[in-house]
Amino acid sequence: MHAPNNVELNLGPQPIARLMAEHGLKTGDLVEASTEHITRKMVARACKGRRLTPRVQSKILRALNQAAGKEYALADLFHY
């Protein structure tokens, strides 16, 4: 499955990476905090700015909120 030519997949570092650093969280911390199926690779891609599906973005958001003990919105984690 390929993305259309006009869709950029690599969007550069995302705010989620900064938020995780502020809370002292690593990729494994989000995986452990999640009650849903997420992987370290999903979290790493989120931080690096690889375009994720809305479903995966939501899973990452819920995992970060659980691990950090705060309520962030998707707009706080991703700028795409």
Protein backbone atom coordinates (compact mmCIF):
# COMPACT_ATOMS: atom_id res chain seq x y z
CA MET A 1 0.00 0.00 0.00
CA HIS A 2 1.54 3.27 -1.09
CA ALA A 3 0.63 6.80 -0.15
CA PRO A 4 -0.37 9.18 -2.91
CA ASN A 5 2.52 11.23 -4.29
CA ASN A 6 1.29 14.43 -2.67
CA VAL A 7 1.21 13.04 0.90
CA GLU A 8 4.36 13.56 2.96
CA LEU A 9 4.97 10.62 5.32
CA ASN A 10 8.00 11.87 7.24
CA LEU A 11 7.09 15.05 9.06
CA GLY A 12 10.03 15.59 11.40
CA PRO A 13 10.17 15.42 15.19
CA GLN A 14 6.78 15.77 16.83
CA PRO A 15 5.77 17.40 20.14
CA ILE A 16 5.17 13.96 21.66
CA ALA A 17 8.95 13.46 21.87
CA ARG A 18 9.34 16.64 23.94
CA LEU A 19 6.39 15.73 26.19
CA MET A 20 7.81 12.27 26.83
CA ALA A 21 11.20 13.80 27.72
CA GLU A 22 9.54 16.30 30.09
CA HIS A 23 7.87 13.40 31.93
CA GLY A 24 10.99 11.22 31.83
CA LEU A 25 9.21 8.59 29.72
CA LYS A 26 10.76 6.17 27.26
CA THR A 27 9.01 4.26 24.48
CA GLY A 28 8.70 1.17 26.66
CA ASP A 29 6.95 3.17 29.37
CA LEU A 30 4.11 4.01 26.97
CA VAL A 31 3.87 0.40 25.80
CA GLU A 32 3.61 -0.80 29.42
CA ALA A 33 1.07 1.89 30.36
CA SER A 34 -1.20 1.07 27.43
CA THR A 35 -4.15 -1.26 27.83
CA GLU A 36 -4.32 -1.51 24.03
CA HIS A 37 -1.96 -3.12 21.57
CA ILE A 38 0.84 -0.67 20.82
CA THR A 39 4.48 -1.42 20.13
CA ARG A 40 7.74 0.36 20.76
CA LYS A 41 8.02 0.80 16.99
CA MET A 42 4.67 2.68 16.88
CA VAL A 43 5.83 5.03 19.62
CA ALA A 44 9.22 5.56 17.97
CA ARG A 45 7.53 6.38 14.66
CA ALA A 46 5.23 8.83 16.43
CA CYS A 47 8.20 10.66 17.95
CA LYS A 48 10.16 10.77 14.69
CA GLY A 49 7.24 12.19 12.76
CA ARG A 50 6.22 9.25 10.64
CA ARG A 51 2.60 9.79 9.63
CA LEU A 52 0.35 7.48 11.66
CA THR A 53 -3.26 6.48 11.18
CA PRO A 54 -5.80 8.28 13.37
CA ARG A 55 -6.43 5.00 15.22
CA VAL A 56 -2.76 4.56 16.13
CA GLN A 57 -2.50 8.26 17.08
CA SER A 58 -5.39 7.78 19.50
CA LYS A 59 -3.79 4.70 21.05
CA ILE A 60 -0.52 6.61 21.55
CA LEU A 61 -2.44 9.54 23.06
CA ARG A 62 -4.23 7.33 25.58
CA ALA A 63 -0.97 5.60 26.51
CA LEU A 64 0.80 8.94 27.06
CA ASN A 65 -2.07 10.27 29.15
CA GLN A 66 -1.98 7.11 31.29
CA ALA A 67 1.81 7.13 31.71
CA ALA A 68 2.08 10.88 32.35
CA GLY A 69 -1.01 11.17 34.53
CA LYS A 70 -2.20 14.16 32.48
CA GLU A 71 -4.83 14.77 29.83
CA TYR A 72 -3.29 15.81 26.53
CA ALA A 73 -5.15 16.21 23.23
CA LEU A 74 -4.00 14.92 19.85
CA ALA A 75 -3.07 18.48 18.88
CA ASP A 76 -0.60 18.50 21.80
CA LEU A 77 1.21 15.43 20.44
CA PHE A 78 1.20 15.85 16.68
CA HIS A 79 1.36 18.88 14.40
CA TYR A 80 -0.09 17.28 11.30
